[in-house]
Amino acid sequence: MSRKPELRGRAARLARLFPGPGSRAQAARTPFVLLVVLLLGGGLIALLVLNSALSEGSFKLDDLQKDTKSLTDEEQGLQRDIDSYSAPEALQQRARELGMIPGGDPVFLSPDGVVKGVPSVAGEQSVNRAVEQSAVQMPLVLLPPEPAAPPSTPPTPAATPAQTTTTPGR
C-alpha cells in the first residue's frame, strides 16, 4: 500500500544509522552487549592491576619483616654485650685493671653542712695490693723528653769565650 519514499543524500545516511521497525530488537541489543563487554573487560583489567599492586606490597612487606628481624637480633646482641659489661663482676674486674681499690665507709653531707658518718681510708693492704697489681699489669711507657726552655735573655758577646779566637797572620 504505502510505499516508502526513497531517500537520497544526507537523509539516506541518517536512515541507515537508525534501524527500521523490523530490526528494532536487534538494534537495542547491540549497545547493551557492547556495554557488558566493556564493563567485563574493564573489571578484568582493574582486577589485574589491583592484584599486581597487592603482590608488590606483599614483597615489600616480606623484605621489611626480614630487615626488622635482623635488626632485632642485632639489638638483642648489643643489649647482651651491655649487660655483660655492666655486671658487677665485670665492673669490679675492670676497676682492678685500672688500679682502683675498694673505698672505705661512705660519709654523707647534709644540706646544712653536717657530716654524717665516720670516714675511713681504704686499708693499707688493699692499697699495697692494688699498687703491686697495677705495676704488674700496667706496661711501662717512656715519657717524651721535655723541650729545652728558651733562654730568657740573649747571651752577650763578651760572655761567650768561643768568639775570642785568634786569627792567623796577626
C-alpha atoms as a PDB file:
ATOM      1  CA  MET A   1       0.000   0.000   0.000  1.00  0.00           C
ATOM      2  CA  SER A   2       2.192   2.731   1.095  1.00  0.00           C
ATOM      3  CA  ARG A   3       5.454   2.559  -0.339  1.00  0.00           C
ATOM      4  CA  LYS A   4       8.363   4.175   1.386  1.00  0.00           C
ATOM      5  CA  PRO A   5       9.851   7.048  -0.433  1.00  0.00           C
ATOM      6  CA  GLU A   6      13.398   6.513  -1.462  1.00  0.00           C
ATOM      7  CA  LEU A   7      15.764   8.714   0.414  1.00  0.00           C
ATOM      8  CA  ARG A   8      18.798  10.363  -1.051  1.00  0.00           C
ATOM      9  CA  GLY A   9      21.950  12.036   0.229  1.00  0.00           C
ATOM     10  CA  ARG A  10      22.046  13.017   3.821  1.00  0.00           C
ATOM     11  CA  ALA A  11      18.652  11.552   4.655  1.00  0.00           C
ATOM     12  CA  ALA A  12      19.728   8.151   3.313  1.00  0.00           C
ATOM     13  CA  ARG A  13      22.796   8.129   5.503  1.00  0.00           C
ATOM     14  CA  LEU A  14      20.764   9.042   8.567  1.00  0.00           C
ATOM     15  CA  ALA A  15      18.220   6.349   7.777  1.00  0.00           C
ATOM     16  CA  ARG A  16      20.933   3.717   7.672  1.00  0.00           C
ATOM     17  CA  LEU A  17      22.065   4.688  11.173  1.00  0.00           C
ATOM     18  CA  PHE A  18      18.611   4.176  12.623  1.00  0.00           C
ATOM     19  CA  PRO A  19      17.174   0.726  12.099  1.00  0.00           C
ATOM     20  CA  GLY A  20      13.679   0.346  10.777  1.00  0.00           C
ATOM     21  CA  PRO A  21      10.665  -1.032  12.625  1.00  0.00           C
ATOM     22  CA  GLY A  22      11.518  -4.654  11.808  1.00  0.00           C
ATOM     23  CA  SER A  23      15.008  -4.706  13.281  1.00  0.00           C
ATOM     24  CA  ARG A  24      14.200  -2.776  16.468  1.00  0.00           C
ATOM     25  CA  ALA A  25      15.075  -5.709  18.801  1.00  0.00           C
ATOM     26  CA  GLN A  26      18.433  -6.236  17.116  1.00  0.00           C
ATOM     27  CA  ALA A  27      19.325  -2.561  17.418  1.00  0.00           C
ATOM     28  CA  ALA A  28      18.512  -2.394  21.140  1.00  0.00           C
ATOM     29  CA  ARG A  29      20.607  -5.458  21.906  1.00  0.00           C
ATOM     30  CA  THR A  30      23.851  -4.221  20.330  1.00  0.00           C
ATOM     31  CA  PRO A  31      24.583  -1.297  22.726  1.00  0.00           C
ATOM     32  CA  PHE A  32      23.744  -3.477  25.711  1.00  0.00           C
ATOM     33  CA  VAL A  33      26.140  -6.210  24.609  1.00  0.00           C
ATOM     34  CA  LEU A  34      28.876  -3.639  23.972  1.00  0.00           C
ATOM     35  CA  LEU A  35      28.289  -2.129  27.415  1.00  0.00           C
ATOM     36  CA  VAL A  36      28.518  -5.537  29.125  1.00  0.00           C
ATOM     37  CA  VAL A  37      31.692  -6.463  27.214  1.00  0.00           C
ATOM     38  CA  LEU A  38      33.312  -3.133  28.091  1.00  0.00           C
ATOM     39  CA  LEU A  39      32.360  -3.473  31.783  1.00  0.00           C
ATOM     40  CA  LEU A  40      33.709  -7.025  31.959  1.00  0.00           C
ATOM     41  CA  GLY A  41      36.952  -6.063  30.210  1.00  0.00           C
ATOM     42  CA  GLY A  42      37.405  -3.014  32.446  1.00  0.00           C
ATOM     43  CA  GLY A  43      36.716  -5.122  35.531  1.00  0.00           C
ATOM     44  CA  LEU A  44      39.292  -7.733  34.496  1.00  0.00           C
ATOM     45  CA  ILE A  45      41.906  -5.066  33.838  1.00  0.00           C
ATOM     46  CA  ALA A  46      41.147  -3.414  37.205  1.00  0.00           C
ATOM     47  CA  LEU A  47      41.500  -6.784  38.967  1.00  0.00           C
ATOM     48  CA  LEU A  48      44.819  -7.410  37.230  1.00  0.00           C
ATOM     49  CA  VAL A  49      46.183  -4.004  38.308  1.00  0.00           C
ATOM     50  CA  LEU A  50      44.911  -4.491  41.864  1.00  0.00           C
ATOM     51  CA  ASN A  51      46.409  -7.989  42.097  1.00  0.00           C
ATOM     52  CA  SER A  52      49.825  -6.826  40.895  1.00  0.00           C
ATOM     53  CA  ALA A  53      49.801  -3.897  43.358  1.00  0.00           C
ATOM     54  CA  LEU A  54      48.938  -6.247  46.225  1.00  0.00           C
ATOM     55  CA  SER A  55      51.679  -8.703  45.303  1.00  0.00           C
ATOM     56  CA  GLU A  56      54.232  -5.853  45.096  1.00  0.00           C
ATOM     57  CA  GLY A  57      53.144  -4.690  48.554  1.00  0.00           C
ATOM     58  CA  SER A  58      53.468  -8.254  49.811  1.00  0.00           C
ATOM     59  CA  PHE A  59      57.067  -8.456  48.579  1.00  0.00           C
ATOM     60  CA  LYS A  60      57.910  -5.135  50.243  1.00  0.00           C
ATOM     61  CA  LEU A  61      56.305  -6.298  53.474  1.00  0.00           C
ATOM     62  CA  ASP A  62      58.333  -9.516  53.391  1.00  0.00           C
ATOM     63  CA  ASP A  63      61.589  -7.569  52.892  1.00  0.00           C
ATOM     64  CA  LEU A  64      60.737  -5.196  55.726  1.00  0.00           C
ATOM     65  CA  GLN A  65      59.936  -8.101  58.038  1.00  0.00           C
ATOM     66  CA  LYS A  66      63.326  -9.677  57.260  1.00  0.00           C
ATOM     67  CA  ASP A  67      65.072  -6.356  57.954  1.00  0.00           C
ATOM     68  CA  THR A  68      63.154  -5.968  61.213  1.00  0.00           C
ATOM     69  CA  LYS A  69      64.137  -9.470  62.317  1.00  0.00           C
ATOM     70  CA  SER A  70      67.836  -8.903  61.580  1.00  0.00           C
ATOM     71  CA  LEU A  71      67.818  -5.524  63.341  1.00  0.00           C
ATOM     72  CA  THR A  72      66.032  -7.044  66.345  1.00  0.00           C
ATOM     73  CA  ASP A  73      68.673  -9.791  66.530  1.00  0.00           C
ATOM     74  CA  GLU A  74      71.440  -7.177  66.363  1.00  0.00           C
ATOM     75  CA  GLU A  75      69.749  -5.116  69.092  1.00  0.00           C
ATOM     76  CA  GLN A  76      69.483  -8.159  71.344  1.00  0.00           C
ATOM     77  CA  GLY A  77      73.168  -8.962  70.798  1.00  0.00           C
ATOM     78  CA  LEU A  78      74.185  -5.413  71.669  1.00  0.00           C
ATOM     79  CA  GLN A  79      71.956  -5.466  74.753  1.00  0.00           C
ATOM     80  CA  ARG A  80      73.633  -8.729  75.816  1.00  0.00           C
ATOM     81  CA  ASP A  81      77.038  -7.046  75.459  1.00  0.00           C
ATOM     82  CA  ILE A  82      75.876  -4.076  77.520  1.00  0.00           C
ATOM     83  CA  ASP A  83      74.537  -6.383  80.213  1.00  0.00           C
ATOM     84  CA  SER A  84      77.810  -8.317  80.363  1.00  0.00           C
ATOM     85  CA  TYR A  85      79.849  -5.106  80.658  1.00  0.00           C
ATOM     86  CA  SER A  86      77.596  -3.657  83.352  1.00  0.00           C
ATOM     87  CA  ALA A  87      77.530  -6.796  85.517  1.00  0.00           C
ATOM     88  CA  PRO A  88      79.040  -6.195  88.967  1.00  0.00           C
ATOM     89  CA  GLU A  89      81.797  -8.780  88.453  1.00  0.00           C
ATOM     90  CA  ALA A  90      82.834  -7.226  85.150  1.00  0.00           C
ATOM     91  CA  LEU A  91      82.850  -3.728  86.638  1.00  0.00           C
ATOM     92  CA  GLN A  92      84.965  -4.913  89.555  1.00  0.00           C
ATOM     93  CA  GLN A  93      87.438  -6.619  87.227  1.00  0.00           C
ATOM     94  CA  ARG A  94      87.775  -3.534  85.025  1.00  0.00           C
ATOM     95  CA  ALA A  95      88.235  -1.309  88.084  1.00  0.00           C
ATOM     96  CA  ARG A  96      91.072  -3.556  89.305  1.00  0.00           C
ATOM     97  CA  GLU A  97      92.682  -3.410  85.855  1.00  0.00           C
ATOM     98  CA  LEU A  98      92.617   0.380  86.104  1.00  0.00           C
ATOM     99  CA  GLY A  99      94.279   0.276  89.527  1.00  0.00           C
ATOM    100  CA  MET A 100      91.221   1.184  91.586  1.00  0.00           C
ATOM    101  CA  ILE A 101      90.737  -0.200  95.076  1.00  0.00           C
ATOM    102  CA  PRO A 102      87.592  -0.598  97.158  1.00  0.00           C
ATOM    103  CA  GLY A 103      86.868   2.520  99.170  1.00  0.00           C
ATOM    104  CA  GLY A 104      86.159   2.813 102.843  1.00  0.00           C
ATOM    105  CA  ASP A 105      82.905   3.580 104.544  1.00  0.00           C
ATOM    106  CA  PRO A 106      80.941   6.383 102.904  1.00  0.00           C
ATOM    107  CA  VAL A 107      80.260   9.721 104.546  1.00  0.00           C
ATOM    108  CA  PHE A 108      77.226  11.855 103.835  1.00  0.00           C
ATOM    109  CA  LEU A 109      76.969  15.618 103.889  1.00  0.00           C
ATOM    110  CA  SER A 110      73.559  17.039 104.770  1.00  0.00           C
ATOM    111  CA  PRO A 111      72.321  20.293 103.212  1.00  0.00           C
ATOM    112  CA  ASP A 112      73.064  22.235 106.416  1.00  0.00           C
ATOM    113  CA  GLY A 113      76.753  21.207 106.286  1.00  0.00           C
ATOM    114  CA  VAL A 114      76.718  18.489 108.959  1.00  0.00           C
ATOM    115  CA  VAL A 115      78.854  15.424 108.179  1.00  0.00           C
ATOM    116  CA  LYS A 116      77.054  12.162 108.883  1.00  0.00           C
ATOM    117  CA  GLY A 117      79.113   9.028 109.299  1.00  0.00           C
ATOM    118  CA  VAL A 118      82.733   8.310 110.075  1.00  0.00           C
ATOM    119  CA  PRO A 119      85.116   8.418 107.117  1.00  0.00           C
ATOM    120  CA  SER A 120      87.635   5.645 106.744  1.00  0.00           C
ATOM    121  CA  VAL A 121      90.580   5.243 104.421  1.00  0.00           C
ATOM    122  CA  ALA A 122      90.964   2.243 102.213  1.00  0.00           C
ATOM    123  CA  GLY A 123      93.005  -0.389 104.009  1.00  0.00           C
ATOM    124  CA  GLU A 124      96.826  -0.404 103.610  1.00  0.00           C
ATOM    125  CA  GLN A 125      96.737  -3.958 102.420  1.00  0.00           C
ATOM    126  CA  SER A 126      94.258  -3.029  99.697  1.00  0.00           C
ATOM    127  CA  VAL A 127      96.402  -0.084  98.634  1.00  0.00           C
ATOM    128  CA  ASN A 128      99.639  -2.137  98.551  1.00  0.00           C
ATOM    129  CA  ARG A 129      97.978  -4.984  96.695  1.00  0.00           C
ATOM    130  CA  ALA A 130      96.458  -2.548  94.172  1.00  0.00           C
ATOM    131  CA  VAL A 131      99.845  -0.885  93.607  1.00  0.00           C
ATOM    132  CA  GLU A 132     101.512  -4.264  93.054  1.00  0.00           C
ATOM    133  CA  GLN A 133      98.780  -5.406  90.676  1.00  0.00           C
ATOM    134  CA  SER A 134      98.850  -2.172  88.740  1.00  0.00           C
ATOM    135  CA  ALA A 135     102.667  -2.339  88.483  1.00  0.00           C
ATOM    136  CA  VAL A 136     102.471  -5.858  87.131  1.00  0.00           C
ATOM    137  CA  GLN A 137      99.593  -5.219  84.740  1.00  0.00           C
ATOM    138  CA  MET A 138     100.474  -1.726  83.554  1.00  0.00           C
ATOM    139  CA  PRO A 139     103.103  -1.576  80.792  1.00  0.00           C
ATOM    140  CA  LEU A 140     105.994   0.830  81.134  1.00  0.00           C
ATOM    141  CA  VAL A 141     105.689   3.869  78.951  1.00  0.00           C
ATOM    142  CA  LEU A 142     108.559   6.238  78.338  1.00  0.00           C
ATOM    143  CA  LEU A 143     107.602   9.874  78.539  1.00  0.00           C
ATOM    144  CA  PRO A 144     108.804  12.107  75.737  1.00  0.00           C
ATOM    145  CA  PRO A 145     111.722  14.344  76.683  1.00  0.00           C
ATOM    146  CA  GLU A 146     110.780  17.809  77.821  1.00  0.00           C
ATOM    147  CA  PRO A 147     111.733  20.551  75.366  1.00  0.00           C
ATOM    148  CA  ALA A 148     114.528  22.832  76.479  1.00  0.00           C
ATOM    149  CA  ALA A 149     113.281  26.158  77.738  1.00  0.00           C
ATOM    150  CA  PRO A 150     114.367  29.070  75.554  1.00  0.00           C
ATOM    151  CA  PRO A 151     116.733  31.468  77.284  1.00  0.00           C
ATOM    152  CA  SER A 152     115.077  34.498  78.747  1.00  0.00           C
ATOM    153  CA  THR A 153     117.841  36.921  77.667  1.00  0.00           C
ATOM    154  CA  PRO A 154     120.118  36.606  74.655  1.00  0.00           C
ATOM    155  CA  PRO A 155     123.789  35.960  75.511  1.00  0.00           C
ATOM    156  CA  THR A 156     126.152  38.902  75.282  1.00  0.00           C
ATOM    157  CA  PRO A 157     129.210  38.679  73.012  1.00  0.00           C
ATOM    158  CA  ALA A 158     131.636  39.306  75.883  1.00  0.00           C
ATOM    159  CA  ALA A 159     130.195  36.446  77.874  1.00  0.00           C
ATOM    160  CA  THR A 160     130.873  33.769  75.275  1.00  0.00           C
ATOM    161  CA  PRO A 161     134.523  32.616  75.195  1.00  0.00           C
ATOM    162  CA  ALA A 162     134.084  30.822  71.870  1.00  0.00           C
ATOM    163  CA  GLN A 163     134.057  34.108  69.994  1.00  0.00           C
ATOM    164  CA  THR A 164     137.508  35.190  71.202  1.00  0.00           C
ATOM    165  CA  THR A 165     139.643  33.284  68.761  1.00  0.00           C
ATOM    166  CA  THR A 166     142.891  34.387  67.252  1.00  0.00           C
ATOM    167  CA  THR A 167     143.171  34.734  63.568  1.00  0.00           C
ATOM    168  CA  PRO A 168     146.361  33.540  61.866  1.00  0.00           C
ATOM    169  CA  GLY A 169     148.584  36.179  60.455  1.00  0.00           C
ATOM    170  CA  ARG A 170     148.079  38.845  63.092  1.00  0.00           C
END
